[in-house]
Amino acid sequence: MEQTPWYSIADITQLDTPALVIYPERVKQNIASLVRSIDSVDRLRPHVKTSKSREASQLLIDAGIRKFKCATIAEAEMLASIGAPDVLLAYQPNEAKMHRLLSLKKAYPETVFSCLVDNVTTARQLSELAVGAGIVMPVYIDLNVGMNRTGMVPGEAVLTLYTELSSLPGIRPMGLHAYDGHLRDPNLAVRTTQCDTAFWPVKLLSDTIAARGLGKPILVVGGSPTFPIHAKRPDVECSPGTFIYWDKGYQSTLAEQPFLPASLVVTRVISLPDTTKVCLDVGHKSIAAEGELNQRITFLNAPELKAIGQSEEHLVVEAGEGHSYKVGDVLYGLPHHICPTVALYERAYTVENGTLSGEWRTVSRDRVISI
């Protein structure tokens, strides 16, 4: 007897498409795998950019995780609204964001908020606003270890800024932040060597800061690709994010990691343009369109289909002569990159025991929740 695929939805006629669906049991398995992959849950600071939902974040809290990372004020507010004790805004705030962050600290006094800085001008501005608000803002210096988008290259200038942060009122330097998301070599040994090379100057900076009497800095490092490498270091906090839902991109390149696909995009055949082509209702607005056309979505129940064209609401695929697809057929798609895909949906539908069970709002896809 043929076994029903794990992703199959029995009451699929109740689900309009395209739709983002989540399998909570698989999410829980991924969280459990994360916790098992490190010696202490206290060294986990997962990024919530992937799920952007209270429900997924609550499952992390239920697993004993107390520290979080986020990219937006809305994500920070979402975390605070469910009682997350420690939230790092892994983004250097401009003046408008500073006002919102300080308002957030006043609105949620039980949550410890912090943010990144990578220059003295921003630090002084934040200091002035924090003093005016009667608040002390914990900050981390953002380091550039190869991403080449933000942060300071490790060196003497970082030590100078750390010293200045220690003297600014309204600011308390906490440590260093080093994201190495560019290190994605499929070979774990190669990736490990690259990661160790990028981390070495961070470790030297940390030791020097401590030796100068400025306290032992907290090191917040890595993302999903380097998580298993940093997890072995005893004195760092690790910040994977994609693990919670996983996706085709990381499934293909990070084969050593135990996480399961836990979120799919469901689509339907809506037209048969000719004898070999099939049109689906999963356009640019339904799946992250940042990559090559053939690296956006893989259909679990139709892996042979090849994308040949996409527009805002449509995806045309090549099925070949003599195919059996018909209008109305349901396809289950695994996104190549789940994080920006989730942000395209205001809600995701949960699937438990093979049936639709509820929905998780993608609440922090909005730029503003209330603050």
Protein backbone atom coordinates (compact mmCIF):
# COMPACT_ATOMS: atom_id res chain seq x y z
CA MET A 1 0.00 0.00 0.00
CA GLU A 2 1.41 3.38 -1.04
CA GLN A 3 2.10 5.71 1.87
CA THR A 4 0.59 9.18 1.82
CA PRO A 5 3.36 11.80 1.41
CA TRP A 6 4.12 13.82 4.54
CA TYR A 7 3.03 17.05 2.87
CA SER A 8 -0.31 15.88 1.48
CA ILE A 9 -3.40 17.83 2.61
CA ALA A 10 -6.56 15.73 2.72
CA ASP A 11 -8.98 18.67 2.65
CA ILE A 12 -7.08 20.54 -0.05
CA THR A 13 -10.32 21.68 -1.71
CA GLN A 14 -10.72 24.09 1.24
CA LEU A 15 -7.43 25.83 0.48
CA ASP A 16 -7.27 28.59 -2.11
CA THR A 17 -3.95 28.94 -3.90
CA PRO A 18 -1.26 30.08 -4.00
CA ALA A 19 -0.93 29.47 -0.27
CA LEU A 20 1.87 29.27 2.25
CA VAL A 21 1.44 26.22 4.48
CA ILE A 22 3.30 25.26 7.64
CA TYR A 23 3.63 21.87 9.30
CA PRO A 24 3.94 22.62 13.05
CA GLU A 25 5.14 19.15 14.02
CA ARG A 26 8.06 19.53 11.65
CA VAL A 27 8.76 23.00 13.05
CA LYS A 28 8.94 21.44 16.53
CA GLN A 29 11.30 18.75 15.22
CA ASN A 30 13.57 21.42 13.76
CA ILE A 31 13.65 23.32 17.04
CA ALA A 32 14.45 20.11 18.92
CA SER A 33 17.26 19.38 16.45
CA LEU A 34 18.63 22.88 17.01
CA VAL A 35 18.66 22.47 20.78
CA ARG A 36 20.36 19.06 20.49
CA SER A 37 23.04 20.57 18.26
CA ILE A 38 24.56 22.75 20.98
CA ASP A 39 25.80 22.20 24.52
CA SER A 40 23.57 24.87 26.10
CA VAL A 41 20.33 26.50 25.06
CA ASP A 42 21.72 29.69 26.62
CA ARG A 43 24.08 29.98 23.63
CA LEU A 44 21.24 30.10 21.14
CA ARG A 45 20.07 33.46 19.79
CA PRO A 46 17.96 32.46 16.76
CA HIS A 47 16.97 35.01 14.14
CA VAL A 48 13.19 35.32 13.64
CA LYS A 49 13.39 36.83 10.13
CA THR A 50 12.26 33.52 8.61
CA SER A 51 8.92 32.97 10.33
CA LYS A 52 7.96 36.53 11.33
CA SER A 53 5.19 34.96 13.42
CA ARG A 54 4.29 34.89 17.09
CA GLU A 55 3.36 31.22 16.94
CA ALA A 56 6.72 30.02 15.61
CA SER A 57 8.56 32.30 18.04
CA GLN A 58 6.47 30.99 20.93
CA LEU A 59 7.58 27.45 20.08
CA LEU A 60 11.18 28.65 20.47
CA ILE A 61 10.38 30.10 23.89
CA ASP A 62 8.60 26.87 24.83
CA ALA A 63 11.85 25.04 24.01
CA GLY A 64 13.72 27.13 26.57
CA ILE A 65 15.25 29.71 24.23
CA ARG A 66 15.43 33.15 25.82
CA LYS A 67 17.59 35.21 23.46
CA PHE A 68 16.58 36.32 19.98
CA LYS A 69 17.80 38.27 17.00
CA CYS A 70 15.71 40.25 14.53
CA ALA A 71 16.10 42.69 11.65
CA THR A 72 13.21 45.13 12.08
CA ILE A 73 11.41 47.08 14.79
CA ALA A 74 8.24 45.14 13.96
CA GLU A 75 10.03 41.83 14.54
CA ALA A 76 11.36 43.19 17.84
CA GLU A 77 7.86 44.21 18.90
CA MET A 78 6.46 40.84 17.89
CA LEU A 79 9.00 39.12 20.14
CA ALA A 80 8.35 41.47 23.05
CA SER A 81 4.61 40.93 22.72
CA ILE A 82 5.04 37.23 23.57
CA GLY A 83 7.42 37.91 26.44
CA ALA A 84 10.82 37.28 24.83
CA PRO A 85 13.34 38.29 27.52
CA ASP A 86 16.26 39.37 25.30
CA VAL A 87 15.99 40.85 21.78
CA LEU A 88 18.90 42.06 19.65
CA LEU A 89 17.97 44.29 16.73
CA ALA A 90 20.72 43.11 14.38
CA TYR A 91 20.58 46.32 12.42
CA GLN A 92 22.12 49.73 12.95
CA PRO A 93 19.21 52.14 13.56
CA ASN A 94 18.83 55.47 11.84
CA GLU A 95 17.30 58.35 13.81
CA ALA A 96 13.71 57.33 13.07
CA LYS A 97 14.42 53.76 14.13
CA MET A 98 16.16 55.02 17.27
CA HIS A 99 12.99 56.81 18.36
CA ARG A 100 10.94 53.67 17.72
CA LEU A 101 13.44 51.43 19.52
CA LEU A 102 13.46 53.66 22.58
CA SER A 103 9.65 53.72 22.55
CA LEU A 104 9.69 49.94 22.36
CA LYS A 105 11.90 49.74 25.45
CA LYS A 106 9.43 51.89 27.38
CA ALA A 107 6.41 49.91 26.16
CA TYR A 108 7.96 46.54 27.02
CA PRO A 109 10.15 47.07 30.10
CA GLU A 110 10.41 43.33 30.78
CA THR A 111 12.31 42.77 27.53
CA VAL A 112 15.98 43.71 27.22
CA PHE A 113 16.48 45.31 23.81
CA SER A 114 19.83 45.98 22.17
CA CYS A 115 21.06 47.03 18.71
CA LEU A 116 24.12 47.28 16.48
CA VAL A 117 26.41 50.22 15.74
CA ASP A 118 29.42 50.47 13.45
CA ASN A 119 30.45 54.13 13.74
CA VAL A 120 30.86 56.80 16.38
CA THR A 121 28.43 59.27 14.78
CA THR A 122 25.53 56.85 15.13
CA ALA A 123 26.67 55.90 18.61
CA ARG A 124 26.70 59.53 19.77
CA GLN A 125 23.27 60.18 18.28
CA LEU A 126 21.85 57.10 19.99
CA SER A 127 23.52 58.15 23.23
CA GLU A 128 21.94 61.59 23.13
CA LEU A 129 18.45 60.24 22.42
CA ALA A 130 18.78 57.52 25.06
CA VAL A 131 19.83 60.03 27.71
CA GLY A 132 16.90 62.24 26.78
CA ALA A 133 14.56 59.28 27.18
CA GLY A 134 16.12 58.23 30.47
CA ILE A 135 17.20 54.90 29.00
CA VAL A 136 20.45 52.96 28.77
CA MET A 137 20.73 51.12 25.45
CA PRO A 138 22.91 48.00 25.22
CA VAL A 139 24.82 47.91 21.91
CA TYR A 140 27.03 45.52 19.97
CA ILE A 141 29.63 46.59 17.44
CA ASP A 142 28.82 45.19 14.02
CA LEU A 143 31.86 43.60 12.39
CA ASN A 144 32.47 43.04 8.70
CA VAL A 145 33.96 39.55 8.39
CA GLY A 146 33.39 39.23 4.66
CA MET A 147 29.75 40.10 3.90
CA ASN A 148 30.91 43.59 2.86
CA ARG A 149 27.60 45.31 3.48
CA THR A 150 27.80 46.80 7.00
CA GLY A 151 30.13 46.68 9.95
CA MET A 152 33.75 47.46 10.76
CA VAL A 153 36.65 45.35 9.58
CA PRO A 154 38.21 43.84 12.73
CA GLY A 155 41.15 45.92 13.87
CA GLU A 156 42.31 48.81 16.00
CA ALA A 157 39.41 51.06 14.94
CA VAL A 158 37.00 48.62 16.58
CA LEU A 159 38.92 48.85 19.84
CA THR A 160 38.78 52.65 19.64
CA LEU A 161 35.02 52.62 19.11
CA TYR A 162 34.48 50.08 21.89
CA THR A 163 36.39 52.33 24.27
CA GLU A 164 34.34 55.35 23.24
CA LEU A 165 31.09 53.43 23.66
CA SER A 166 32.14 52.68 27.22
CA SER A 167 32.34 56.39 27.95
CA LEU A 168 29.09 57.50 26.30
CA PRO A 169 26.12 58.06 28.60
CA GLY A 170 22.97 56.19 27.69
CA ILE A 171 24.94 53.40 25.98
CA ARG A 172 26.39 50.18 27.33
CA PRO A 173 28.68 48.14 25.04
CA MET A 174 27.84 44.45 25.30
CA GLY A 175 30.02 42.79 22.69
CA LEU A 176 30.61 42.07 19.03
CA HIS A 177 28.35 40.88 16.23
CA ALA A 178 29.84 38.97 13.30
CA TYR A 179 27.59 37.56 10.59
CA ASP A 180 29.34 35.35 8.05
CA GLY A 181 26.42 34.48 5.79
CA HIS A 182 28.66 34.53 2.69
CA LEU A 183 30.31 31.26 3.80
CA ARG A 184 28.13 28.59 2.16
CA ASP A 185 30.50 26.10 0.60
CA PRO A 186 28.71 22.72 0.31
CA ASN A 187 31.84 21.01 1.63
CA LEU A 188 31.70 21.26 5.42
CA ALA A 189 35.48 20.93 5.78
CA VAL A 190 36.05 23.85 3.40
CA ARG A 191 33.33 25.88 5.08
CA THR A 192 34.88 25.16 8.49
CA THR A 193 38.29 26.41 7.38
CA GLN A 194 36.73 29.57 5.93
CA CYS A 195 34.69 30.12 9.08
CA ASP A 196 37.67 29.65 11.40
CA THR A 197 39.68 32.11 9.32
CA ALA A 198 36.92 34.73 9.50
CA PHE A 199 36.39 34.17 13.23
CA TRP A 200 40.04 34.38 14.29
CA PRO A 201 40.30 38.22 14.25
CA VAL A 202 36.98 38.40 16.12
CA LYS A 203 38.45 36.21 18.85
CA LEU A 204 41.59 38.37 18.99
CA LEU A 205 39.46 41.50 19.34
CA SER A 206 37.45 39.91 22.13
CA ASP A 207 40.60 38.93 24.03
CA THR A 208 42.09 42.41 23.61
CA ILE A 209 38.92 44.14 24.81
CA ALA A 210 38.90 41.97 27.93
CA ALA A 211 42.63 42.55 28.51
CA ARG A 212 42.06 46.31 28.42
CA GLY A 213 39.65 46.07 31.32
CA LEU A 214 36.49 46.73 29.33
CA GLY A 215 34.81 43.50 30.37
CA LYS A 216 34.44 40.24 28.47
CA PRO A 217 32.43 40.98 25.32
CA ILE A 218 29.54 38.78 24.27
CA LEU A 219 30.12 37.36 20.78
CA VAL A 220 27.04 36.92 18.59
CA VAL A 221 28.14 35.04 15.49
CA GLY A 222 27.08 33.18 12.40
CA GLY A 223 23.90 32.12 10.68
CA SER A 224 22.57 28.80 9.43
CA PRO A 225 25.50 27.77 7.17
CA THR A 226 28.12 28.17 9.90
CA PHE A 227 25.93 27.18 12.85
CA PRO A 228 27.40 23.67 13.34
CA ILE A 229 30.90 25.19 13.32
CA HIS A 230 30.25 28.01 15.78
CA ALA A 231 28.17 25.70 17.98
CA LYS A 232 31.42 23.96 18.95
CA ARG A 233 32.96 27.18 20.27
CA PRO A 234 32.29 27.42 24.01
CA ASP A 235 31.99 31.20 24.36
CA VAL A 236 29.75 32.44 21.54
CA GLU A 237 26.04 32.91 20.90
CA CYS A 238 24.81 31.35 17.65
CA SER A 239 22.17 32.92 15.42
CA PRO A 240 20.72 30.55 12.82
CA GLY A 241 17.34 31.52 11.37
CA THR A 242 16.28 29.44 8.37
CA PHE A 243 16.46 26.20 10.37
CA ILE A 244 12.91 26.70 11.63
CA TYR A 245 11.30 26.10 8.19
CA TRP A 246 14.33 25.10 6.05
CA ASP A 247 14.26 25.36 2.27
CA LYS A 248 15.55 23.82 -0.93
CA GLY A 249 18.59 26.08 -1.08
CA TYR A 250 19.98 25.02 2.28
CA GLN A 251 18.73 21.46 1.91
CA SER A 252 20.95 21.19 -1.17
CA THR A 253 24.06 22.95 0.13
CA LEU A 254 24.04 22.16 3.87
CA ALA A 255 23.55 18.42 3.68
CA GLU A 256 25.17 17.86 7.07
CA GLN A 257 22.41 19.69 8.91
CA PRO A 258 19.42 17.69 10.25
CA PHE A 259 16.59 20.14 9.60
CA LEU A 260 13.42 19.27 7.70
CA PRO A 261 11.39 21.29 5.21
CA ALA A 262 8.47 22.54 7.31
CA SER A 263 6.84 25.12 5.04
CA LEU A 264 5.66 24.84 1.45
CA VAL A 265 3.87 26.91 -1.16
CA VAL A 266 0.83 25.11 -2.55
CA THR A 267 -0.18 25.94 -6.12
CA ARG A 268 -2.63 24.70 -8.75
CA VAL A 269 -2.59 24.15 -12.48
CA ILE A 270 -4.73 26.94 -13.92
CA SER A 271 -4.18 26.52 -17.65
CA LEU A 272 -2.61 24.31 -20.34
CA PRO A 273 -1.17 26.77 -22.89
CA ASP A 274 -0.17 24.04 -25.35
CA THR A 275 0.56 20.32 -25.51
CA THR A 276 3.75 20.51 -23.44
CA LYS A 277 3.33 23.53 -21.18
CA VAL A 278 1.50 23.92 -17.86
CA CYS A 279 0.64 27.22 -16.17
CA LEU A 280 0.50 27.49 -12.38
CA ASP A 281 -0.79 30.23 -10.06
CA VAL A 282 2.56 30.90 -8.37
CA GLY A 283 4.05 34.11 -9.74
CA HIS A 284 6.60 36.65 -8.50
CA LYS A 285 4.13 37.69 -5.79
CA SER A 286 3.96 34.15 -4.41
CA ILE A 287 7.54 32.89 -4.34
CA ALA A 288 10.87 34.65 -3.80
CA ALA A 289 12.03 35.65 -7.27
CA GLU A 290 15.58 36.71 -6.41
CA GLY A 291 17.37 33.79 -8.05
CA GLU A 292 17.51 32.08 -11.41
CA LEU A 293 14.15 31.00 -12.78
CA ASN A 294 14.93 27.32 -12.25
CA GLN A 295 15.99 27.96 -8.65
CA ARG A 296 12.85 29.42 -7.11
CA ILE A 297 10.60 26.45 -6.38
CA THR A 298 10.83 22.66 -6.59
CA PHE A 299 7.62 20.64 -6.72
CA LEU A 300 7.77 17.68 -4.38
CA ASN A 301 5.07 15.78 -6.27
CA ALA A 302 6.26 16.90 -9.72
CA PRO A 303 10.06 17.27 -9.62
CA GLU A 304 10.37 16.88 -13.39
CA LEU A 305 8.64 20.17 -14.17
CA LYS A 306 11.00 22.86 -15.46
CA ALA A 307 10.15 26.55 -15.11
CA ILE A 308 10.42 28.44 -18.38
CA GLY A 309 8.60 31.69 -17.62
CA GLN A 310 7.21 33.65 -14.68
CA SER A 311 5.23 36.85 -14.23
CA GLU A 312 3.41 38.46 -11.30
CA GLU A 313 0.68 35.83 -10.94
CA HIS A 314 1.79 32.97 -13.20
CA LEU A 315 4.53 30.37 -13.57
CA VAL A 316 4.81 28.47 -16.84
CA VAL A 317 6.56 25.10 -16.69
CA GLU A 318 7.59 22.58 -19.31
CA ALA A 319 6.00 19.17 -18.76
CA GLY A 320 6.80 17.48 -22.08
CA GLU A 321 4.65 15.75 -24.68
CA GLY A 322 2.10 13.27 -23.36
CA HIS A 323 2.01 14.66 -19.81
CA SER A 324 -1.03 13.90 -17.66
CA TYR A 325 -1.45 17.23 -15.86
CA LYS A 326 -4.88 18.81 -15.93
CA VAL A 327 -6.42 22.06 -14.78
CA GLY A 328 -7.03 21.93 -11.04
CA ASP A 329 -4.14 19.63 -10.17
CA VAL A 330 -2.44 20.56 -6.89
CA LEU A 331 1.34 20.87 -6.61
CA TYR A 332 3.35 21.19 -3.39
CA GLY A 333 6.33 23.49 -3.87
CA LEU A 334 9.46 23.74 -1.72
CA PRO A 335 10.84 27.30 -1.99
CA HIS A 336 14.50 27.72 -2.79
CA HIS A 337 14.63 30.62 -0.30
CA ILE A 338 11.94 30.49 2.36
CA CYS A 339 12.65 33.76 4.21
CA PRO A 340 11.58 36.27 1.52
CA THR A 341 8.86 33.85 0.41
CA VAL A 342 7.21 33.97 3.85
CA ALA A 343 7.27 37.77 3.71
CA LEU A 344 4.99 37.65 0.66
CA TYR A 345 2.12 36.18 2.69
CA GLU A 346 0.06 37.87 5.41
CA ARG A 347 -0.77 34.45 6.84
CA ALA A 348 0.28 30.83 6.63
CA TYR A 349 -2.10 27.90 7.00
CA THR A 350 -1.10 25.13 9.38
CA VAL A 351 -1.39 21.47 8.48
CA GLU A 352 -1.60 18.85 11.24
CA ASN A 353 -2.40 15.17 10.82
CA GLY A 354 -2.83 15.77 7.12
CA THR A 355 -5.58 18.37 7.43
CA LEU A 356 -5.82 22.15 7.67
CA SER A 357 -5.85 23.14 11.33
CA GLY A 358 -5.52 26.92 11.58
CA GLU A 359 -3.34 29.83 10.56
CA TRP A 360 -0.26 31.70 11.71
CA ARG A 361 -0.25 35.41 10.92
CA THR A 362 2.99 36.70 9.43
CA VAL A 363 2.52 39.62 11.77
CA SER A 364 5.95 41.23 11.48
CA ARG A 365 6.03 41.30 7.70
CA ASP A 366 4.41 44.69 8.31
CA ARG A 367 6.84 47.53 8.85
CA VAL A 368 4.81 48.70 11.84
CA ILE A 369 2.75 46.73 14.35
CA SER A 370 1.95 49.46 16.85
CA ILE A 371 5.23 51.32 17.44
